[in-house]
Structure formats: structure tokens, C-alpha cells
Amino acid sequence: MDALLRAEKIPPASRSIVEKYFSLYTPKALIEGGGFVTYTANTRGIEEARTAALAQCQQKIGRPCRTVLENFSPAATSSR
């Protein structure tokens, strides 16, 4: 967990959010933007989970966010 937080520059204060993310069902996506961290799980598919989480993050911070994890794997790219 600590290595992920450091590698992805996720604030330590967001640790509980990341821990909740790991306990969710899949498909799911973990998103970060400007220190704000959010996630969405969606049984329809990873694309739906990613799209919903990115929209939630962008609405909250007012600028583009990046996909950190999809399910339990690092995202294929750092932003989408």
C-alpha cells in the first residue's frame, strides 16, 4: 500500500480511500487528480467504471484526472 501511494503520488491522507477501493468488487477504477482520490465500481464493465470515476473527479476538481488502477492492476496509461 505504501509503495503504491508513493509511486502514484497519492497523499497519505487518502490511504483509507485506497483501502476501501481494494475491498470493492470488480470492475473498478481508482482515479487521482490534484491530490483528490476517488473510485467507482460498476458491474457493467471497466470502461463504465473508469468513465464514471473520471467524471466524478473532474467535476470535483475542475480539471483532468488520471486513472491509477483498473481492478488490481496499474492503468495502461497514466491519464485517459
N, C-alpha and C. Protein backbone atom coordinates (compact mmCIF):
# COMPACT_ATOMS: atom_id res chain seq x y z
N MET A 1 0.82 -1.18 0.00
CA MET A 1 0.00 0.00 0.00
C MET A 1 0.87 1.25 0.00
N ASP A 2 1.86 1.29 0.88
CA ASP A 2 2.73 2.46 0.95
C ASP A 2 3.47 2.70 -0.36
N ALA A 3 3.93 1.63 -0.99
CA ALA A 3 4.64 1.77 -2.26
C ALA A 3 3.73 2.34 -3.34
N LEU A 4 2.49 1.91 -3.37
CA LEU A 4 1.53 2.43 -4.34
C LEU A 4 1.29 3.93 -4.10
N LEU A 5 1.07 4.29 -2.85
CA LEU A 5 0.82 5.70 -2.53
C LEU A 5 2.00 6.57 -2.97
N ARG A 6 3.21 6.12 -2.68
CA ARG A 6 4.40 6.88 -3.07
C ARG A 6 4.56 6.94 -4.58
N ALA A 7 4.47 5.80 -5.22
CA ALA A 7 4.69 5.72 -6.67
C ALA A 7 3.70 6.58 -7.45
N GLU A 8 2.48 6.61 -6.99
CA GLU A 8 1.43 7.35 -7.69
C GLU A 8 1.21 8.75 -7.13
N LYS A 9 2.06 9.14 -6.17
CA LYS A 9 1.97 10.46 -5.54
C LYS A 9 0.57 10.74 -4.99
N ILE A 10 0.03 9.73 -4.32
CA ILE A 10 -1.27 9.85 -3.67
C ILE A 10 -1.02 10.28 -2.23
N PRO A 11 -1.69 11.33 -1.77
CA PRO A 11 -1.46 11.82 -0.41
C PRO A 11 -1.75 10.74 0.65
N PRO A 12 -0.92 10.64 1.68
CA PRO A 12 -1.14 9.66 2.75
C PRO A 12 -2.54 9.79 3.37
N ALA A 13 -3.11 10.96 3.37
CA ALA A 13 -4.45 11.15 3.93
C ALA A 13 -5.52 10.40 3.13
N SER A 14 -5.20 9.99 1.92
CA SER A 14 -6.14 9.25 1.07
C SER A 14 -6.03 7.74 1.24
N ARG A 15 -5.19 7.29 2.16
CA ARG A 15 -4.97 5.85 2.36
C ARG A 15 -6.27 5.09 2.60
N SER A 16 -7.17 5.62 3.42
CA SER A 16 -8.42 4.90 3.71
C SER A 16 -9.28 4.75 2.46
N ILE A 17 -9.24 5.72 1.56
CA ILE A 17 -9.99 5.62 0.31
C ILE A 17 -9.42 4.49 -0.54
N VAL A 18 -8.09 4.41 -0.62
CA VAL A 18 -7.45 3.37 -1.40
C VAL A 18 -7.72 2.00 -0.78
N GLU A 19 -7.71 1.90 0.52
CA GLU A 19 -8.02 0.63 1.19
C GLU A 19 -9.45 0.19 0.88
N LYS A 20 -10.40 1.13 0.89
CA LYS A 20 -11.79 0.79 0.53
C LYS A 20 -11.86 0.32 -0.91
N TYR A 21 -11.11 0.98 -1.78
CA TYR A 21 -11.09 0.58 -3.19
C TYR A 21 -10.72 -0.89 -3.33
N PHE A 22 -9.68 -1.33 -2.63
CA PHE A 22 -9.22 -2.71 -2.75
C PHE A 22 -10.26 -3.71 -2.25
N SER A 23 -11.17 -3.29 -1.40
CA SER A 23 -12.18 -4.22 -0.88
C SER A 23 -13.42 -4.31 -1.77
N LEU A 24 -13.53 -3.48 -2.79
CA LEU A 24 -14.69 -3.47 -3.67
C LEU A 24 -14.67 -4.62 -4.67
N TYR A 25 -15.86 -4.92 -5.20
CA TYR A 25 -15.97 -5.88 -6.29
C TYR A 25 -15.39 -5.27 -7.56
N THR A 26 -15.14 -6.09 -8.56
CA THR A 26 -14.66 -5.60 -9.85
C THR A 26 -15.78 -5.69 -10.87
N PRO A 27 -15.71 -4.95 -11.93
CA PRO A 27 -14.72 -3.99 -12.40
C PRO A 27 -14.75 -2.70 -11.58
N LYS A 28 -13.57 -2.10 -11.45
CA LYS A 28 -13.44 -0.87 -10.69
C LYS A 28 -12.25 -0.07 -11.19
N ALA A 29 -12.26 1.24 -10.91
CA ALA A 29 -11.17 2.12 -11.31
C ALA A 29 -10.88 3.10 -10.19
N LEU A 30 -9.59 3.32 -9.94
CA LEU A 30 -9.12 4.29 -8.95
C LEU A 30 -8.54 5.47 -9.72
N ILE A 31 -9.00 6.67 -9.39
CA ILE A 31 -8.67 7.88 -10.13
C ILE A 31 -8.06 8.90 -9.17
N GLU A 32 -7.09 9.69 -9.68
CA GLU A 32 -6.46 10.74 -8.87
C GLU A 32 -6.36 12.00 -9.70
N GLY A 33 -6.51 13.12 -9.01
CA GLY A 33 -6.33 14.41 -9.67
C GLY A 33 -6.04 15.48 -8.63
N GLY A 34 -4.89 16.09 -8.70
CA GLY A 34 -4.54 17.17 -7.78
C GLY A 34 -4.66 16.82 -6.32
N GLY A 35 -4.37 15.56 -5.97
CA GLY A 35 -4.47 15.13 -4.58
C GLY A 35 -5.84 14.59 -4.19
N PHE A 36 -6.83 14.77 -5.05
CA PHE A 36 -8.17 14.22 -4.81
C PHE A 36 -8.19 12.80 -5.36
N VAL A 37 -8.66 11.84 -4.56
CA VAL A 37 -8.69 10.43 -4.96
C VAL A 37 -10.13 9.94 -4.87
N THR A 38 -10.57 9.23 -5.90
CA THR A 38 -11.92 8.66 -5.90
C THR A 38 -11.89 7.33 -6.65
N TYR A 39 -12.99 6.62 -6.60
CA TYR A 39 -13.09 5.35 -7.30
C TYR A 39 -14.55 5.08 -7.63
N THR A 40 -14.75 4.19 -8.57
CA THR A 40 -16.08 3.71 -8.91
C THR A 40 -15.97 2.24 -9.26
N ALA A 41 -16.93 1.46 -8.81
CA ALA A 41 -17.06 0.07 -9.23
C ALA A 41 -18.36 -0.03 -10.02
N ASN A 42 -18.35 -0.79 -11.11
CA ASN A 42 -19.52 -0.89 -11.96
C ASN A 42 -19.57 -2.28 -12.56
N THR A 43 -20.64 -2.99 -12.33
CA THR A 43 -20.73 -4.37 -12.81
C THR A 43 -20.88 -4.45 -14.33
N ARG A 44 -21.15 -3.33 -15.01
CA ARG A 44 -21.29 -3.35 -16.46
C ARG A 44 -19.95 -3.45 -17.18
N GLY A 45 -18.84 -3.05 -16.53
CA GLY A 45 -17.54 -3.16 -17.18
C GLY A 45 -16.55 -2.12 -16.72
N ILE A 46 -15.29 -2.34 -17.09
CA ILE A 46 -14.22 -1.45 -16.66
C ILE A 46 -14.36 -0.07 -17.31
N GLU A 47 -14.78 -0.02 -18.56
CA GLU A 47 -14.96 1.27 -19.24
C GLU A 47 -15.97 2.14 -18.50
N GLU A 48 -17.07 1.56 -18.09
CA GLU A 48 -18.09 2.30 -17.35
C GLU A 48 -17.57 2.78 -16.00
N ALA A 49 -16.82 1.90 -15.31
CA ALA A 49 -16.25 2.27 -14.02
C ALA A 49 -15.25 3.41 -14.18
N ARG A 50 -14.38 3.31 -15.17
CA ARG A 50 -13.38 4.36 -15.41
C ARG A 50 -14.04 5.68 -15.78
N THR A 51 -15.00 5.64 -16.70
CA THR A 51 -15.67 6.85 -17.15
C THR A 51 -16.38 7.56 -16.00
N ALA A 52 -17.08 6.81 -15.17
CA ALA A 52 -17.80 7.41 -14.04
C ALA A 52 -16.84 8.02 -13.02
N ALA A 53 -15.75 7.33 -12.72
CA ALA A 53 -14.79 7.84 -11.74
C ALA A 53 -14.07 9.08 -12.27
N LEU A 54 -13.68 9.07 -13.55
CA LEU A 54 -13.03 10.24 -14.14
C LEU A 54 -13.97 11.44 -14.13
N ALA A 55 -15.23 11.23 -14.47
CA ALA A 55 -16.19 12.33 -14.46
C ALA A 55 -16.38 12.89 -13.06
N GLN A 56 -16.47 12.02 -12.06
CA GLN A 56 -16.63 12.46 -10.67
C GLN A 56 -15.43 13.30 -10.23
N CYS A 57 -14.24 12.84 -10.56
CA CYS A 57 -13.02 13.56 -10.18
C CYS A 57 -12.94 14.91 -10.89
N GLN A 58 -13.17 14.91 -12.20
CA GLN A 58 -13.09 16.15 -12.96
C GLN A 58 -14.12 17.17 -12.51
N GLN A 59 -15.31 16.70 -12.15
CA GLN A 59 -16.34 17.61 -11.64
C GLN A 59 -15.90 18.21 -10.31
N LYS A 60 -15.27 17.42 -9.47
CA LYS A 60 -14.85 17.87 -8.14
C LYS A 60 -13.72 18.89 -8.22
N ILE A 61 -12.70 18.62 -9.06
CA ILE A 61 -11.52 19.49 -9.06
C ILE A 61 -11.47 20.47 -10.23
N GLY A 62 -12.32 20.27 -11.23
CA GLY A 62 -12.40 21.20 -12.34
C GLY A 62 -11.27 21.11 -13.35
N ARG A 63 -10.60 19.98 -13.40
CA ARG A 63 -9.54 19.77 -14.40
C ARG A 63 -9.37 18.27 -14.62
N PRO A 64 -8.63 17.88 -15.65
CA PRO A 64 -8.48 16.45 -15.95
C PRO A 64 -7.84 15.66 -14.79
N CYS A 65 -8.26 14.42 -14.69
CA CYS A 65 -7.74 13.49 -13.68
C CYS A 65 -7.10 12.32 -14.41
N ARG A 66 -6.46 11.43 -13.64
CA ARG A 66 -5.78 10.29 -14.26
C ARG A 66 -6.22 8.99 -13.61
N THR A 67 -6.21 7.95 -14.42
CA THR A 67 -6.53 6.61 -13.94
C THR A 67 -5.27 6.02 -13.31
N VAL A 68 -5.37 5.59 -12.06
CA VAL A 68 -4.24 4.99 -11.35
C VAL A 68 -4.30 3.47 -11.45
N LEU A 69 -5.44 2.90 -11.09
CA LEU A 69 -5.61 1.44 -11.14
C LEU A 69 -6.91 1.09 -11.85
N GLU A 70 -6.89 -0.04 -12.52
CA GLU A 70 -8.09 -0.66 -13.05
C GLU A 70 -8.13 -2.05 -12.47
N ASN A 71 -9.17 -2.33 -11.71
CA ASN A 71 -9.25 -3.54 -10.91
C ASN A 71 -8.05 -3.55 -9.96
N PHE A 72 -7.13 -4.49 -10.09
CA PHE A 72 -5.98 -4.53 -9.18
C PHE A 72 -4.66 -4.26 -9.89
N SER A 73 -4.74 -3.77 -11.13
CA SER A 73 -3.55 -3.55 -11.93
C SER A 73 -3.35 -2.07 -12.24
N PRO A 74 -2.10 -1.64 -12.38
CA PRO A 74 -1.85 -0.27 -12.80
C PRO A 74 -2.53 0.01 -14.14
N ALA A 75 -3.00 1.22 -14.29
CA ALA A 75 -3.67 1.58 -15.54
C ALA A 75 -2.68 1.50 -16.69
N ALA A 76 -3.17 1.23 -17.89
CA ALA A 76 -2.31 1.10 -19.06
C ALA A 76 -1.61 2.41 -19.36
N THR A 77 -2.27 3.52 -19.11
CA THR A 77 -1.67 4.85 -19.28
C THR A 77 -1.96 5.65 -18.04
N SER A 78 -1.18 6.69 -17.83
CA SER A 78 -1.36 7.49 -16.62
C SER A 78 -2.53 8.44 -16.69
N SER A 79 -3.08 8.68 -17.88
CA SER A 79 -4.28 9.53 -17.98
C SER A 79 -5.12 9.06 -19.15
N ARG A 80 -6.40 9.32 -19.04
CA ARG A 80 -7.34 8.93 -20.10
C ARG A 80 -8.31 10.05 -20.33
